[in-house]
């Protein structure tokens, strides 16, 4: 049986405003997120739960309200990959990627203190583009359900982001 052809997939627009103190970069939205047109739309993805731990609050169910809560807390979202060929949702399947203009984007965020990379692929692609950008660069364990590190260990690592959100 032949392997399915890779389909070119694209990232979403960034979620940010000029008051962002922390930018969290994923790799490229997975299938469930693309279908919903929502960041971290897979029901088992732990992103919203992890951010709830970081911010000390539960997130509302409504997607736009979740994004508003992130912006209010000084958090911006985007992906390191603008588009890529990929079968399925796994980062390991990303091929022929085109990067997002991360350095240009970071330059538009005057209050930014740190960029956090959600997972190894995000870090591998995004970090080289931001070395020398004048912000802290943090590698995080992936919030993906495919990365099976226990939640408590993920939450401990993600908890390090709190210090960048203090006003």
N, C-alpha and C. Protein backbone atom coordinates (compact mmCIF):
# COMPACT_ATOMS: atom_id res chain seq x y z
N UNK A 1 0.85 -1.18 0.00
CA UNK A 1 0.00 0.00 0.00
C UNK A 1 0.89 1.25 0.00
N UNK A 2 0.61 2.16 -0.88
CA UNK A 2 1.42 3.37 -1.00
C UNK A 2 1.16 4.32 0.16
N UNK A 3 2.22 5.02 0.56
CA UNK A 3 2.10 6.02 1.61
C UNK A 3 1.31 7.21 1.08
N UNK A 4 0.42 7.80 1.89
CA UNK A 4 -0.35 8.96 1.40
C UNK A 4 0.57 10.13 1.06
N UNK A 5 0.16 10.89 0.09
CA UNK A 5 0.94 12.06 -0.32
C UNK A 5 0.87 13.13 0.76
N UNK A 6 2.01 13.77 0.99
CA UNK A 6 2.05 14.87 1.95
C UNK A 6 1.28 16.06 1.37
N UNK A 7 0.55 16.72 2.20
CA UNK A 7 -0.23 17.89 1.82
C UNK A 7 0.43 19.12 2.43
N UNK A 8 0.49 20.19 1.66
CA UNK A 8 1.08 21.43 2.18
C UNK A 8 0.09 22.04 3.17
N UNK A 9 0.57 22.33 4.37
CA UNK A 9 -0.25 22.89 5.44
C UNK A 9 0.37 24.19 5.89
N UNK A 10 -0.45 25.11 6.38
CA UNK A 10 0.02 26.44 6.75
C UNK A 10 -0.35 26.77 8.18
N UNK A 11 0.47 27.63 8.78
CA UNK A 11 0.20 28.09 10.15
C UNK A 11 -0.88 29.16 10.15
N UNK A 12 -1.33 29.49 11.33
CA UNK A 12 -2.32 30.56 11.52
C UNK A 12 -1.61 31.89 11.67
N UNK A 13 -2.38 32.95 11.64
CA UNK A 13 -1.84 34.28 11.94
C UNK A 13 -1.44 34.32 13.41
N UNK A 14 -0.47 35.16 13.75
CA UNK A 14 -0.09 35.26 15.17
C UNK A 14 -1.21 35.87 16.00
N UNK A 15 -1.21 35.52 17.27
CA UNK A 15 -2.10 36.12 18.26
C UNK A 15 -1.20 36.95 19.15
N UNK A 16 -1.31 38.26 19.07
CA UNK A 16 -0.39 39.11 19.83
C UNK A 16 -0.86 40.55 19.83
N UNK A 17 -0.39 41.28 20.81
CA UNK A 17 -0.49 42.73 20.78
C UNK A 17 0.81 43.29 21.35
N UNK A 18 0.96 44.58 21.27
CA UNK A 18 2.24 45.22 21.63
C UNK A 18 2.62 45.03 23.10
N UNK A 19 1.68 44.64 23.95
CA UNK A 19 2.00 44.46 25.37
C UNK A 19 2.52 43.06 25.69
N UNK A 20 2.66 42.19 24.70
CA UNK A 20 3.11 40.81 24.95
C UNK A 20 4.50 40.80 25.58
N UNK A 21 4.61 40.04 26.68
CA UNK A 21 5.89 39.87 27.36
C UNK A 21 6.49 38.49 27.11
N UNK A 22 5.64 37.58 26.63
CA UNK A 22 6.04 36.20 26.36
C UNK A 22 5.42 35.76 25.05
N UNK A 23 6.23 35.19 24.18
CA UNK A 23 5.76 34.60 22.93
C UNK A 23 5.98 33.11 23.01
N UNK A 24 4.93 32.34 22.77
CA UNK A 24 5.04 30.89 22.74
C UNK A 24 4.91 30.46 21.28
N UNK A 25 5.92 29.73 20.82
CA UNK A 25 5.97 29.28 19.44
C UNK A 25 5.80 27.77 19.36
N UNK A 26 4.77 27.34 18.64
CA UNK A 26 4.62 25.93 18.30
C UNK A 26 5.34 25.66 17.00
N UNK A 27 5.14 24.48 16.48
CA UNK A 27 5.78 24.12 15.21
C UNK A 27 4.84 24.44 14.05
N UNK A 28 3.76 23.68 13.90
CA UNK A 28 2.77 23.82 12.84
C UNK A 28 1.50 23.17 13.36
N UNK A 29 0.33 23.78 13.18
CA UNK A 29 -0.90 23.18 13.71
C UNK A 29 -1.12 21.76 13.19
N UNK A 30 -1.60 20.89 14.07
CA UNK A 30 -1.95 19.53 13.69
C UNK A 30 -3.32 19.48 13.02
N UNK A 31 -3.70 18.29 12.62
CA UNK A 31 -4.94 18.10 11.87
C UNK A 31 -6.18 18.63 12.61
N UNK A 32 -6.31 18.30 13.89
CA UNK A 32 -7.49 18.74 14.65
C UNK A 32 -7.52 20.27 14.75
N UNK A 33 -6.37 20.88 14.97
CA UNK A 33 -6.30 22.34 15.05
C UNK A 33 -6.63 22.98 13.71
N UNK A 34 -6.13 22.40 12.63
CA UNK A 34 -6.43 22.94 11.30
C UNK A 34 -7.91 22.83 10.99
N UNK A 35 -8.53 21.69 11.33
CA UNK A 35 -9.97 21.53 11.10
C UNK A 35 -10.78 22.58 11.86
N UNK A 36 -10.38 22.85 13.10
CA UNK A 36 -11.10 23.82 13.94
C UNK A 36 -10.66 25.26 13.68
N UNK A 37 -9.54 25.43 12.96
CA UNK A 37 -8.92 26.76 12.77
C UNK A 37 -8.65 27.41 14.13
N UNK A 38 -8.06 26.60 15.03
CA UNK A 38 -7.75 27.06 16.39
C UNK A 38 -6.39 26.54 16.82
N UNK A 39 -5.62 27.42 17.47
CA UNK A 39 -4.40 26.96 18.10
C UNK A 39 -4.74 25.91 19.15
N UNK A 40 -3.97 24.83 19.15
CA UNK A 40 -4.08 23.78 20.16
C UNK A 40 -5.51 23.25 20.27
N UNK A 41 -6.08 22.90 19.12
CA UNK A 41 -7.46 22.46 19.05
C UNK A 41 -7.69 20.99 19.33
N UNK A 42 -6.64 20.19 19.40
CA UNK A 42 -6.82 18.76 19.71
C UNK A 42 -7.26 18.64 21.16
N UNK A 43 -8.32 17.87 21.43
CA UNK A 43 -8.83 17.81 22.81
C UNK A 43 -7.84 17.25 23.83
N UNK A 44 -6.87 16.44 23.39
CA UNK A 44 -5.89 15.91 24.34
C UNK A 44 -4.61 16.75 24.41
N UNK A 45 -4.49 17.78 23.58
CA UNK A 45 -3.32 18.64 23.69
C UNK A 45 -3.41 19.36 25.04
N UNK A 46 -2.31 19.42 25.75
CA UNK A 46 -2.30 19.95 27.11
C UNK A 46 -1.96 21.44 27.19
N UNK A 47 -1.88 22.12 26.05
CA UNK A 47 -1.48 23.53 26.06
C UNK A 47 -2.35 24.37 26.99
N UNK A 48 -3.66 24.32 26.84
CA UNK A 48 -4.54 25.19 27.63
C UNK A 48 -4.47 24.84 29.11
N UNK A 49 -4.33 23.57 29.42
CA UNK A 49 -4.19 23.14 30.82
C UNK A 49 -2.85 23.63 31.39
N UNK A 50 -1.78 23.50 30.60
CA UNK A 50 -0.47 23.98 31.05
C UNK A 50 -0.47 25.49 31.26
N UNK A 51 -1.07 26.23 30.34
CA UNK A 51 -1.14 27.68 30.51
C UNK A 51 -2.01 28.05 31.70
N UNK A 52 -3.02 27.25 31.98
CA UNK A 52 -3.81 27.47 33.19
C UNK A 52 -2.96 27.35 34.43
N UNK A 53 -2.04 26.38 34.44
CA UNK A 53 -1.11 26.22 35.57
C UNK A 53 -0.18 27.43 35.65
N UNK A 54 0.33 27.88 34.51
CA UNK A 54 1.25 29.02 34.49
C UNK A 54 0.56 30.27 35.02
N UNK A 55 -0.67 30.50 34.58
CA UNK A 55 -1.38 31.73 34.92
C UNK A 55 -2.22 31.62 36.19
N UNK A 56 -2.34 30.41 36.74
CA UNK A 56 -3.11 30.22 37.97
C UNK A 56 -4.60 30.42 37.78
N UNK A 57 -5.10 30.01 36.62
CA UNK A 57 -6.53 30.16 36.34
C UNK A 57 -6.96 29.15 35.30
N UNK A 58 -8.22 28.82 35.31
CA UNK A 58 -8.78 27.94 34.28
C UNK A 58 -9.13 28.80 33.07
N UNK A 59 -9.04 28.21 31.91
CA UNK A 59 -9.40 28.93 30.70
C UNK A 59 -10.85 28.69 30.35
N UNK A 60 -11.51 29.71 29.80
CA UNK A 60 -12.90 29.52 29.36
C UNK A 60 -12.96 28.52 28.21
N UNK A 61 -14.13 27.99 27.94
CA UNK A 61 -14.31 27.05 26.83
C UNK A 61 -14.26 27.73 25.48
N UNK A 62 -14.81 28.93 25.38
CA UNK A 62 -14.88 29.63 24.10
C UNK A 62 -13.48 30.02 23.63
N UNK A 63 -13.16 29.67 22.40
CA UNK A 63 -11.82 29.90 21.86
C UNK A 63 -11.42 31.37 21.89
N UNK A 64 -12.27 32.26 21.42
CA UNK A 64 -11.91 33.69 21.40
C UNK A 64 -11.67 34.22 22.82
N UNK A 65 -12.43 33.71 23.79
CA UNK A 65 -12.21 34.11 25.19
C UNK A 65 -10.86 33.59 25.69
N UNK A 66 -10.45 32.42 25.24
CA UNK A 66 -9.13 31.88 25.60
C UNK A 66 -8.03 32.79 25.07
N UNK A 67 -8.18 33.18 23.80
CA UNK A 67 -7.17 34.07 23.20
C UNK A 67 -7.13 35.41 23.92
N UNK A 68 -8.29 35.94 24.27
CA UNK A 68 -8.34 37.20 25.02
C UNK A 68 -7.62 37.06 26.36
N UNK A 69 -7.83 35.93 27.04
CA UNK A 69 -7.19 35.69 28.34
C UNK A 69 -5.66 35.64 28.19
N UNK A 70 -5.18 35.03 27.11
CA UNK A 70 -3.73 35.01 26.87
C UNK A 70 -3.21 36.42 26.63
N UNK A 71 -3.87 37.17 25.75
CA UNK A 71 -3.42 38.54 25.47
C UNK A 71 -3.43 39.38 26.73
N UNK A 72 -4.49 39.24 27.54
CA UNK A 72 -4.58 40.00 28.80
C UNK A 72 -3.43 39.67 29.75
N UNK A 73 -2.95 38.43 29.68
CA UNK A 73 -1.85 38.01 30.54
C UNK A 73 -0.48 38.36 29.97
N UNK A 74 -0.45 38.90 28.76
CA UNK A 74 0.83 39.26 28.14
C UNK A 74 1.46 38.15 27.33
N UNK A 75 0.64 37.19 26.88
CA UNK A 75 1.14 36.04 26.12
C UNK A 75 0.71 36.16 24.66
N UNK A 76 1.66 35.92 23.78
CA UNK A 76 1.41 35.87 22.34
C UNK A 76 1.66 34.44 21.85
N UNK A 77 1.02 34.08 20.74
CA UNK A 77 1.16 32.75 20.14
C UNK A 77 1.51 32.88 18.67
N UNK A 78 2.30 31.94 18.20
CA UNK A 78 2.52 31.78 16.77
C UNK A 78 3.21 30.44 16.56
N UNK A 79 3.60 30.18 15.33
CA UNK A 79 4.31 28.96 14.97
C UNK A 79 5.59 29.30 14.24
N UNK A 80 6.58 28.42 14.33
CA UNK A 80 7.84 28.66 13.65
C UNK A 80 7.75 28.36 12.15
N UNK A 81 6.83 27.48 11.78
CA UNK A 81 6.68 27.07 10.39
C UNK A 81 5.52 27.82 9.75
N UNK A 82 5.79 28.50 8.64
CA UNK A 82 4.72 29.17 7.89
C UNK A 82 3.93 28.14 7.09
N UNK A 83 4.63 27.24 6.42
CA UNK A 83 3.98 26.15 5.70
C UNK A 83 4.97 25.02 5.52
N UNK A 84 4.41 23.82 5.35
CA UNK A 84 5.24 22.63 5.17
C UNK A 84 4.40 21.53 4.58
N UNK A 85 5.07 20.54 4.03
CA UNK A 85 4.41 19.32 3.61
C UNK A 85 4.39 18.39 4.82
N UNK A 86 3.23 17.78 5.07
CA UNK A 86 3.15 16.85 6.21
C UNK A 86 1.96 15.93 6.02
N UNK A 87 2.18 14.68 6.29
CA UNK A 87 1.10 13.70 6.39
C UNK A 87 0.80 13.57 7.88
N UNK A 88 -0.45 13.73 8.27
CA UNK A 88 -0.81 13.62 9.68
C UNK A 88 -0.41 14.85 10.48
N UNK A 89 -0.18 14.65 11.77
CA UNK A 89 0.05 15.76 12.69
C UNK A 89 1.41 15.76 13.37
N UNK A 90 2.19 14.71 13.21
CA UNK A 90 3.44 14.61 13.96
C UNK A 90 4.50 15.57 13.43
N UNK A 91 5.21 16.21 14.34
CA UNK A 91 6.29 17.12 13.96
C UNK A 91 7.37 16.40 13.15
N UNK A 92 7.59 15.13 13.46
CA UNK A 92 8.62 14.37 12.74
C UNK A 92 8.28 14.23 11.25
N UNK A 93 7.02 14.43 10.89
CA UNK A 93 6.59 14.30 9.49
C UNK A 93 6.68 15.61 8.72
N UNK A 94 7.09 16.70 9.37
CA UNK A 94 7.21 18.00 8.68
C UNK A 94 8.37 17.93 7.70
N UNK A 95 8.07 18.25 6.44
CA UNK A 95 9.08 18.24 5.37
C UNK A 95 8.97 19.53 4.58
N UNK A 96 10.07 19.92 3.98
CA UNK A 96 10.11 21.07 3.06
C UNK A 96 9.42 22.30 3.67
N UNK A 97 9.82 22.62 4.89
CA UNK A 97 9.15 23.73 5.59
C UNK A 97 9.67 25.09 5.14
N UNK A 98 8.78 26.05 5.19
CA UNK A 98 9.10 27.47 5.01
C UNK A 98 8.91 28.12 6.37
N UNK A 99 9.92 28.80 6.91
CA UNK A 99 9.78 29.38 8.25
C UNK A 99 8.97 30.67 8.24
N UNK A 100 8.36 30.96 9.37
CA UNK A 100 7.75 32.27 9.57
C UNK A 100 8.87 33.28 9.84
N UNK A 101 8.63 34.57 9.56
CA UNK A 101 9.65 35.61 9.80
C UNK A 101 9.71 35.98 11.28
N UNK A 102 10.29 35.10 12.07
CA UNK A 102 10.26 35.25 13.53
C UNK A 102 10.98 36.49 14.02
N UNK A 103 12.18 36.74 13.52
CA UNK A 103 12.94 37.91 14.00
C UNK A 103 12.19 39.20 13.69
N UNK A 104 11.60 39.30 12.52
CA UNK A 104 10.82 40.49 12.17
C UNK A 104 9.62 40.65 13.10
N UNK A 105 8.96 39.53 13.39
CA UNK A 105 7.80 39.58 14.28
C UNK A 105 8.19 39.99 15.69
N UNK A 106 9.25 39.39 16.22
CA UNK A 106 9.72 39.72 17.57
C UNK A 106 10.05 41.21 17.66
N UNK A 107 10.59 41.77 16.61
CA UNK A 107 10.94 43.20 16.60
C UNK A 107 9.72 44.10 16.74
N UNK A 108 8.52 43.58 16.48
CA UNK A 108 7.29 44.37 16.62
C UNK A 108 6.70 44.31 18.03
N UNK A 109 7.35 43.58 18.93
CA UNK A 109 6.83 43.38 20.29
C UNK A 109 7.77 44.05 21.30
N UNK A 110 7.57 45.34 21.56
CA UNK A 110 8.53 46.09 22.38
C UNK A 110 8.62 45.65 23.84
N UNK A 111 7.61 44.99 24.38
CA UNK A 111 7.63 44.56 25.78
C UNK A 111 8.09 43.12 25.95
N UNK A 112 8.44 42.45 24.87
CA UNK A 112 8.79 41.03 24.91
C UNK A 112 10.03 40.78 25.75
N UNK A 113 9.91 39.80 26.67
CA UNK A 113 11.02 39.38 27.53
C UNK A 113 11.55 38.01 27.15
N UNK A 114 10.66 37.14 26.61
CA UNK A 114 11.08 35.76 26.35
C UNK A 114 10.27 35.15 25.22
N UNK A 115 10.91 34.19 24.56
CA UNK A 115 10.26 33.34 23.57
C UNK A 115 10.40 31.91 24.06
N UNK A 116 9.28 31.22 24.15
CA UNK A 116 9.28 29.82 24.59
C UNK A 116 8.89 28.95 23.41
N UNK A 117 9.61 27.85 23.24
CA UNK A 117 9.37 26.93 22.14
C UNK A 117 8.65 25.70 22.67
N UNK A 118 7.45 25.47 22.15
CA UNK A 118 6.61 24.35 22.57
C UNK A 118 7.04 23.10 21.80
N UNK A 119 8.04 22.41 22.33
CA UNK A 119 8.50 21.16 21.74
C UNK A 119 9.82 21.28 21.00
N UNK A 120 10.41 20.13 20.75
CA UNK A 120 11.73 20.06 20.15
C UNK A 120 11.81 20.58 18.73
N UNK A 121 10.83 20.30 17.89
CA UNK A 121 10.86 20.76 16.50
C UNK A 121 10.76 22.28 16.45
N UNK A 122 9.89 22.84 17.26
CA UNK A 122 9.77 24.30 17.33
C UNK A 122 11.10 24.92 17.73
N UNK A 123 11.74 24.35 18.73
CA UNK A 123 13.03 24.85 19.22
C UNK A 123 14.10 24.72 18.14
N UNK A 124 14.16 23.57 17.48
CA UNK A 124 15.19 23.33 16.46
C UNK A 124 15.06 24.29 15.29
N UNK A 125 13.85 24.61 14.89
CA UNK A 125 13.64 25.50 13.75
C UNK A 125 13.71 26.97 14.19
N UNK A 126 13.09 27.30 15.31
CA UNK A 126 12.94 28.70 15.71
C UNK A 126 14.12 29.33 16.41
N UNK A 127 14.82 28.56 17.23
CA UNK A 127 15.91 29.16 18.02
C UNK A 127 16.98 29.82 17.15
N UNK A 128 17.47 29.16 16.10
CA UNK A 128 18.52 29.81 15.30
C UNK A 128 18.09 31.17 14.72
N UNK A 129 16.82 31.33 14.43
CA UNK A 129 16.33 32.59 13.87
C UNK A 129 16.29 33.70 14.91
N UNK A 130 16.32 33.35 16.21
CA UNK A 130 16.14 34.35 17.26
C UNK A 130 17.36 34.56 18.15
N UNK A 131 18.42 33.82 17.91
CA UNK A 131 19.65 34.05 18.67
C UNK A 131 20.08 35.50 18.41
N UNK A 132 20.34 36.24 19.45
CA UNK A 132 20.74 37.63 19.30
C UNK A 132 19.58 38.61 19.25
N UNK A 133 18.36 38.12 19.46
CA UNK A 133 17.17 38.99 19.41
C UNK A 133 16.98 39.77 20.70
N UNK A 134 17.80 39.51 21.72
CA UNK A 134 17.71 40.27 22.96
C UNK A 134 16.62 39.81 23.91
N UNK A 135 16.12 38.59 23.73
CA UNK A 135 15.12 38.02 24.64
C UNK A 135 15.59 36.64 25.07
N UNK A 136 15.07 36.19 26.21
CA UNK A 136 15.37 34.83 26.67
C UNK A 136 14.72 33.83 25.73
N UNK A 137 15.42 32.73 25.46
CA UNK A 137 14.91 31.66 24.60
C UNK A 137 14.80 30.40 25.44
N UNK A 138 13.58 29.85 25.53
CA UNK A 138 13.30 28.75 26.45
C UNK A 138 12.74 27.56 25.70
N UNK A 139 13.37 26.41 25.85
CA UNK A 139 12.86 25.16 25.28
C UNK A 139 11.91 24.51 26.29
N UNK A 140 10.72 24.18 25.84
CA UNK A 140 9.71 23.55 26.69
C UNK A 140 9.39 22.14 26.19
N UNK A 141 8.98 21.25 27.10
CA UNK A 141 8.47 19.96 26.63
C UNK A 141 7.15 20.19 25.89
N UNK A 142 6.94 19.45 24.84
CA UNK A 142 5.76 19.62 24.00
C UNK A 142 4.46 19.38 24.76
N UNK A 143 3.47 20.19 24.46
CA UNK A 143 2.14 20.01 25.03
C UNK A 143 1.35 18.94 24.28
N UNK A 144 1.90 18.41 23.21
CA UNK A 144 1.22 17.43 22.37
C UNK A 144 0.94 16.13 23.12
N UNK A 145 -0.20 15.50 22.83
CA UNK A 145 -0.46 14.19 23.43
C UNK A 145 0.52 13.12 22.94
N UNK A 146 1.20 13.37 21.82
CA UNK A 146 2.19 12.41 21.31
C UNK A 146 3.45 12.40 22.18
N UNK A 147 3.67 13.46 22.93
CA UNK A 147 4.83 13.52 23.84
C UNK A 147 4.34 13.10 25.22
N UNK A 148 4.74 11.92 25.65
CA UNK A 148 4.10 11.28 26.81
C UNK A 148 4.75 11.56 28.15
N UNK A 149 5.54 12.60 28.26
CA UNK A 149 6.08 13.00 29.56
C UNK A 149 4.92 13.25 30.51
N UNK A 150 4.99 12.81 31.76
CA UNK A 150 3.89 13.05 32.70
C UNK A 150 3.54 14.54 32.81
N UNK A 151 2.26 14.82 32.98
CA UNK A 151 1.79 16.20 33.05
C UNK A 151 2.53 17.00 34.12
N UNK A 152 2.76 16.41 35.29
CA UNK A 152 3.42 17.15 36.38
C UNK A 152 4.81 17.62 35.96
N UNK A 153 5.52 16.83 35.19
CA UNK A 153 6.86 17.23 34.74
C UNK A 153 6.76 18.33 33.68
N UNK A 154 5.76 18.20 32.79
CA UNK A 154 5.55 19.28 31.81
C UNK A 154 5.20 20.58 32.54
N UNK A 155 4.28 20.49 33.50
CA UNK A 155 3.82 21.68 34.23
C UNK A 155 4.98 22.34 34.98
N UNK A 156 5.87 21.56 35.53
CA UNK A 156 7.02 22.14 36.25
C UNK A 156 7.89 22.94 35.29
N UNK A 157 8.14 22.40 34.11
CA UNK A 157 8.96 23.12 33.13
C UNK A 157 8.23 24.37 32.64
N UNK A 158 6.96 24.25 32.32
CA UNK A 158 6.19 25.39 31.84
C UNK A 158 6.04 26.45 32.93
N UNK A 159 6.05 26.04 34.19
CA UNK A 159 5.93 26.98 35.30
C UNK A 159 7.03 28.02 35.32
N UNK A 160 8.16 27.72 34.70
CA UNK A 160 9.28 28.68 34.62
C UNK A 160 8.89 29.93 33.83
N UNK A 161 7.81 29.85 33.06
CA UNK A 161 7.38 31.02 32.27
C UNK A 161 6.79 32.13 33.13
N UNK A 162 6.33 31.81 34.32
CA UNK A 162 5.68 32.81 35.19
C UNK A 162 6.53 34.06 35.37
N UNK A 163 7.82 33.87 35.54
CA UNK A 163 8.70 35.01 35.84
C UNK A 163 8.73 36.04 34.71
N UNK A 164 8.42 35.62 33.50
CA UNK A 164 8.43 36.57 32.38
C UNK A 164 7.11 37.32 32.26
N UNK A 165 6.12 36.89 33.01
CA UNK A 165 4.80 37.53 32.92
C UNK A 165 4.53 38.49 34.06
N UNK A 166 5.45 38.56 35.02
CA UNK A 166 5.27 39.51 36.13
C UNK A 166 5.35 40.93 35.60
N UNK A 167 4.47 41.74 36.08
CA UNK A 167 4.43 43.14 35.60
C UNK A 167 5.38 44.01 36.36
